[in-house]
Amino acid sequence: MNLIEFIKTIEKIDEQSILYLKRINGQFTFESKITVLKILEEDEEMKSKDLEVTEKGFDYFLEVFLINEIIEDLEKNESVESKCKRLIHYAEFDC
């Protein structure tokens, strides 16, 4: 699954999860492959960037609850591509 596909199905993802993306040519893109890490109760106090991802080559992107908050603040008629672009910008520059 890539980032665009993930955003289309985000309502099915547990908010206590963290999204990790595989960079393409050093960048997060719409086509970046994703992996989702479900946070276990004993890991809740760890920082998101310190949790180990089982698949190599994936970088921390954002927590699912934060993605949901950002999407809620966007206009309802924004395209999925526009939502992805804003999320990528937030992950790269505002996090």
N, C-alpha and C. Protein backbone atom coordinates (compact mmCIF):
# COMPACT_ATOMS: atom_id res chain seq x y z
N MET A 1 0.85 -1.17 0.00
CA MET A 1 0.00 0.00 0.00
C MET A 1 0.90 1.24 0.00
N ASN A 2 0.47 2.27 -0.74
CA ASN A 2 1.23 3.52 -0.75
C ASN A 2 0.46 4.59 0.04
N LEU A 3 1.03 5.79 0.11
CA LEU A 3 0.44 6.85 0.93
C LEU A 3 -0.96 7.23 0.47
N ILE A 4 -1.18 7.36 -0.83
CA ILE A 4 -2.50 7.74 -1.32
C ILE A 4 -3.53 6.68 -0.93
N GLU A 5 -3.22 5.43 -1.13
CA GLU A 5 -4.15 4.35 -0.77
C GLU A 5 -4.44 4.37 0.73
N PHE A 6 -3.41 4.63 1.52
CA PHE A 6 -3.57 4.69 2.97
C PHE A 6 -4.55 5.79 3.37
N ILE A 7 -4.38 6.99 2.80
CA ILE A 7 -5.24 8.12 3.15
C ILE A 7 -6.69 7.82 2.79
N LYS A 8 -6.91 7.10 1.71
CA LYS A 8 -8.28 6.74 1.32
C LYS A 8 -8.94 5.80 2.32
N THR A 9 -8.14 5.05 3.09
CA THR A 9 -8.70 4.06 4.02
C THR A 9 -8.35 4.36 5.48
N ILE A 10 -7.94 5.58 5.76
CA ILE A 10 -7.44 5.91 7.10
C ILE A 10 -8.47 5.69 8.20
N GLU A 11 -9.75 5.83 7.90
CA GLU A 11 -10.76 5.66 8.94
C GLU A 11 -10.78 4.24 9.51
N LYS A 12 -10.17 3.29 8.82
CA LYS A 12 -10.10 1.90 9.30
C LYS A 12 -8.89 1.64 10.18
N ILE A 13 -7.99 2.61 10.29
CA ILE A 13 -6.72 2.42 11.01
C ILE A 13 -6.85 2.94 12.44
N ASP A 14 -6.35 2.18 13.37
CA ASP A 14 -6.36 2.55 14.79
C ASP A 14 -5.56 3.83 15.00
N GLU A 15 -6.13 4.79 15.71
CA GLU A 15 -5.47 6.08 15.95
C GLU A 15 -4.21 5.94 16.80
N GLN A 16 -4.04 4.84 17.48
CA GLN A 16 -2.86 4.62 18.31
C GLN A 16 -1.70 4.04 17.50
N SER A 17 -1.82 4.09 16.20
CA SER A 17 -0.78 3.55 15.32
C SER A 17 0.11 4.67 14.80
N ILE A 18 1.25 4.28 14.28
CA ILE A 18 2.20 5.23 13.70
C ILE A 18 2.47 4.80 12.26
N LEU A 19 2.54 5.78 11.38
CA LEU A 19 2.79 5.53 9.97
C LEU A 19 4.27 5.75 9.67
N TYR A 20 4.86 4.80 8.97
CA TYR A 20 6.23 4.89 8.49
C TYR A 20 6.19 4.77 6.97
N LEU A 21 7.02 5.55 6.29
CA LEU A 21 7.07 5.53 4.84
C LEU A 21 8.47 5.20 4.35
N LYS A 22 8.52 4.63 3.16
CA LYS A 22 9.79 4.37 2.49
C LYS A 22 10.01 5.54 1.53
N ARG A 23 11.13 6.20 1.68
CA ARG A 23 11.44 7.34 0.82
C ARG A 23 11.78 6.88 -0.60
N ILE A 24 11.40 7.70 -1.56
CA ILE A 24 11.74 7.46 -2.96
C ILE A 24 12.69 8.57 -3.37
N ASN A 25 13.90 8.20 -3.76
CA ASN A 25 14.95 9.18 -4.07
C ASN A 25 15.13 10.18 -2.93
N GLY A 26 15.07 9.67 -1.69
CA GLY A 26 15.30 10.50 -0.52
C GLY A 26 14.11 11.33 -0.07
N GLN A 27 12.96 11.16 -0.71
CA GLN A 27 11.80 12.01 -0.39
C GLN A 27 10.57 11.16 -0.10
N PHE A 28 9.68 11.69 0.74
CA PHE A 28 8.36 11.10 0.89
C PHE A 28 7.55 11.54 -0.33
N THR A 29 6.81 10.61 -0.93
CA THR A 29 5.97 10.94 -2.08
C THR A 29 4.61 10.27 -1.93
N PHE A 30 3.71 10.59 -2.84
CA PHE A 30 2.39 9.95 -2.85
C PHE A 30 2.52 8.45 -3.02
N GLU A 31 3.53 8.03 -3.76
CA GLU A 31 3.73 6.62 -4.08
C GLU A 31 4.60 5.89 -3.05
N SER A 32 5.05 6.58 -2.02
CA SER A 32 5.88 5.94 -0.99
C SER A 32 5.13 4.77 -0.38
N LYS A 33 5.80 3.63 -0.30
CA LYS A 33 5.22 2.46 0.36
C LYS A 33 5.14 2.76 1.85
N ILE A 34 4.12 2.21 2.50
CA ILE A 34 3.90 2.49 3.92
C ILE A 34 3.92 1.21 4.74
N THR A 35 4.17 1.38 6.01
CA THR A 35 3.94 0.33 6.99
C THR A 35 3.37 1.01 8.22
N VAL A 36 2.47 0.33 8.89
CA VAL A 36 1.80 0.89 10.05
C VAL A 36 2.22 0.08 11.27
N LEU A 37 2.62 0.79 12.31
CA LEU A 37 3.03 0.15 13.55
C LEU A 37 1.97 0.44 14.61
N LYS A 38 1.35 -0.60 15.10
CA LYS A 38 0.36 -0.47 16.18
C LYS A 38 1.11 -0.33 17.49
N ILE A 39 0.80 0.70 18.26
CA ILE A 39 1.47 0.95 19.53
C ILE A 39 0.86 0.07 20.62
N LEU A 40 1.70 -0.70 21.25
CA LEU A 40 1.26 -1.52 22.37
C LEU A 40 1.28 -0.68 23.63
N GLU A 41 0.49 -1.04 24.59
CA GLU A 41 0.38 -0.29 25.83
C GLU A 41 1.75 -0.05 26.49
N GLU A 42 2.61 -1.06 26.48
CA GLU A 42 3.92 -0.92 27.13
C GLU A 42 4.88 0.00 26.36
N ASP A 43 4.53 0.32 25.11
CA ASP A 43 5.38 1.20 24.30
C ASP A 43 4.90 2.64 24.27
N GLU A 44 3.77 2.94 24.89
CA GLU A 44 3.15 4.26 24.77
C GLU A 44 4.05 5.40 25.25
N GLU A 45 4.95 5.15 26.17
CA GLU A 45 5.79 6.22 26.69
C GLU A 45 7.02 6.49 25.82
N MET A 46 7.31 5.60 24.88
CA MET A 46 8.46 5.79 23.99
C MET A 46 8.13 6.86 22.96
N LYS A 47 9.15 7.54 22.50
CA LYS A 47 8.95 8.52 21.43
C LYS A 47 8.74 7.78 20.12
N SER A 48 7.86 8.30 19.30
CA SER A 48 7.49 7.66 18.04
C SER A 48 8.69 7.36 17.16
N LYS A 49 9.64 8.25 17.13
CA LYS A 49 10.81 8.07 16.28
C LYS A 49 11.76 7.00 16.81
N ASP A 50 11.60 6.60 18.07
CA ASP A 50 12.49 5.61 18.68
C ASP A 50 11.97 4.19 18.58
N LEU A 51 10.72 4.03 18.18
CA LEU A 51 10.16 2.69 18.06
C LEU A 51 10.76 1.99 16.85
N GLU A 52 11.01 0.72 16.99
CA GLU A 52 11.65 -0.03 15.92
C GLU A 52 10.60 -0.57 14.95
N VAL A 53 10.83 -0.35 13.68
CA VAL A 53 9.96 -0.84 12.64
C VAL A 53 10.51 -2.19 12.18
N THR A 54 9.62 -3.15 11.99
CA THR A 54 10.07 -4.48 11.62
C THR A 54 10.62 -4.54 10.20
N GLU A 55 10.13 -3.69 9.32
CA GLU A 55 10.62 -3.67 7.95
C GLU A 55 11.69 -2.60 7.80
N LYS A 56 12.82 -2.97 7.26
CA LYS A 56 13.94 -2.04 7.08
C LYS A 56 13.66 -1.06 5.95
N GLY A 57 14.22 0.12 6.07
CA GLY A 57 14.11 1.12 5.02
C GLY A 57 12.93 2.06 5.16
N PHE A 58 12.16 1.92 6.22
CA PHE A 58 11.02 2.80 6.44
C PHE A 58 11.40 3.85 7.48
N ASP A 59 10.98 5.09 7.23
CA ASP A 59 11.25 6.20 8.14
C ASP A 59 9.96 6.65 8.80
N TYR A 60 10.11 7.14 10.02
CA TYR A 60 8.96 7.71 10.74
C TYR A 60 8.31 8.78 9.88
N PHE A 61 6.97 8.77 9.83
CA PHE A 61 6.22 9.79 9.10
C PHE A 61 5.37 10.58 10.09
N LEU A 62 4.26 10.04 10.55
CA LEU A 62 3.39 10.72 11.51
C LEU A 62 2.54 9.69 12.26
N GLU A 63 2.03 10.11 13.41
CA GLU A 63 1.06 9.29 14.14
C GLU A 63 -0.29 9.40 13.43
N VAL A 64 -1.05 8.33 13.46
CA VAL A 64 -2.34 8.31 12.77
C VAL A 64 -3.30 9.34 13.37
N PHE A 65 -3.31 9.51 14.70
CA PHE A 65 -4.21 10.51 15.28
C PHE A 65 -3.89 11.90 14.75
N LEU A 66 -2.62 12.19 14.53
CA LEU A 66 -2.20 13.49 14.01
C LEU A 66 -2.61 13.64 12.55
N ILE A 67 -2.45 12.59 11.78
CA ILE A 67 -2.90 12.62 10.39
C ILE A 67 -4.38 12.94 10.34
N ASN A 68 -5.15 12.27 11.19
CA ASN A 68 -6.60 12.53 11.22
C ASN A 68 -6.91 13.97 11.58
N GLU A 69 -6.19 14.54 12.54
CA GLU A 69 -6.41 15.94 12.92
C GLU A 69 -6.10 16.89 11.77
N ILE A 70 -5.01 16.63 11.07
CA ILE A 70 -4.63 17.49 9.95
C ILE A 70 -5.69 17.40 8.85
N ILE A 71 -6.12 16.20 8.54
CA ILE A 71 -7.14 16.01 7.49
C ILE A 71 -8.45 16.69 7.88
N GLU A 72 -8.83 16.60 9.15
CA GLU A 72 -10.06 17.25 9.61
C GLU A 72 -10.01 18.76 9.43
N ASP A 73 -8.82 19.35 9.54
CA ASP A 73 -8.67 20.79 9.38
C ASP A 73 -8.69 21.24 7.92
N LEU A 74 -8.57 20.30 6.99
CA LEU A 74 -8.57 20.64 5.57
C LEU A 74 -10.01 20.72 5.08
N GLU A 75 -10.18 21.39 3.96
CA GLU A 75 -11.51 21.49 3.37
C GLU A 75 -11.97 20.11 2.90
N LYS A 76 -13.24 19.84 3.06
CA LYS A 76 -13.80 18.54 2.73
C LYS A 76 -13.60 18.15 1.27
N ASN A 77 -13.58 19.14 0.38
CA ASN A 77 -13.49 18.84 -1.05
C ASN A 77 -12.05 18.77 -1.57
N GLU A 78 -11.06 18.82 -0.68
CA GLU A 78 -9.67 18.69 -1.14
C GLU A 78 -9.43 17.30 -1.66
N SER A 79 -8.64 17.21 -2.70
CA SER A 79 -8.32 15.91 -3.29
C SER A 79 -7.41 15.12 -2.36
N VAL A 80 -7.36 13.83 -2.59
CA VAL A 80 -6.47 12.97 -1.81
C VAL A 80 -5.02 13.39 -2.05
N GLU A 81 -4.70 13.75 -3.27
CA GLU A 81 -3.35 14.19 -3.60
C GLU A 81 -2.98 15.44 -2.81
N SER A 82 -3.92 16.38 -2.72
CA SER A 82 -3.68 17.60 -1.95
C SER A 82 -3.48 17.29 -0.47
N LYS A 83 -4.28 16.37 0.06
CA LYS A 83 -4.12 15.97 1.46
C LYS A 83 -2.74 15.35 1.68
N CYS A 84 -2.33 14.48 0.77
CA CYS A 84 -1.01 13.85 0.89
C CYS A 84 0.11 14.89 0.84
N LYS A 85 -0.04 15.85 -0.07
CA LYS A 85 0.97 16.91 -0.20
C LYS A 85 1.11 17.69 1.11
N ARG A 86 -0.01 18.02 1.73
CA ARG A 86 0.02 18.75 3.00
C ARG A 86 0.61 17.91 4.12
N LEU A 87 0.27 16.63 4.14
CA LEU A 87 0.83 15.75 5.17
C LEU A 87 2.34 15.61 5.01
N ILE A 88 2.79 15.46 3.78
CA ILE A 88 4.23 15.35 3.53
C ILE A 88 4.93 16.62 3.99
N HIS A 89 4.37 17.76 3.64
CA HIS A 89 4.98 19.04 4.07
C HIS A 89 5.05 19.11 5.58
N TYR A 90 3.97 18.73 6.25
CA TYR A 90 3.95 18.78 7.70
C TYR A 90 5.01 17.83 8.28
N ALA A 91 5.07 16.63 7.76
CA ALA A 91 6.04 15.65 8.27
C ALA A 91 7.48 16.10 8.05
N GLU A 92 7.75 16.75 6.94
CA GLU A 92 9.11 17.17 6.62
C GLU A 92 9.53 18.46 7.33
N PHE A 93 8.59 19.40 7.52
CA PHE A 93 8.99 20.73 7.98
C PHE A 93 8.40 21.18 9.30
N ASP A 94 7.25 20.66 9.70
CA ASP A 94 6.58 21.16 10.88
C ASP A 94 6.66 20.23 12.08
N CYS A 95 7.12 19.04 11.87
CA CYS A 95 7.14 18.04 12.93
C CYS A 95 8.26 18.25 13.91
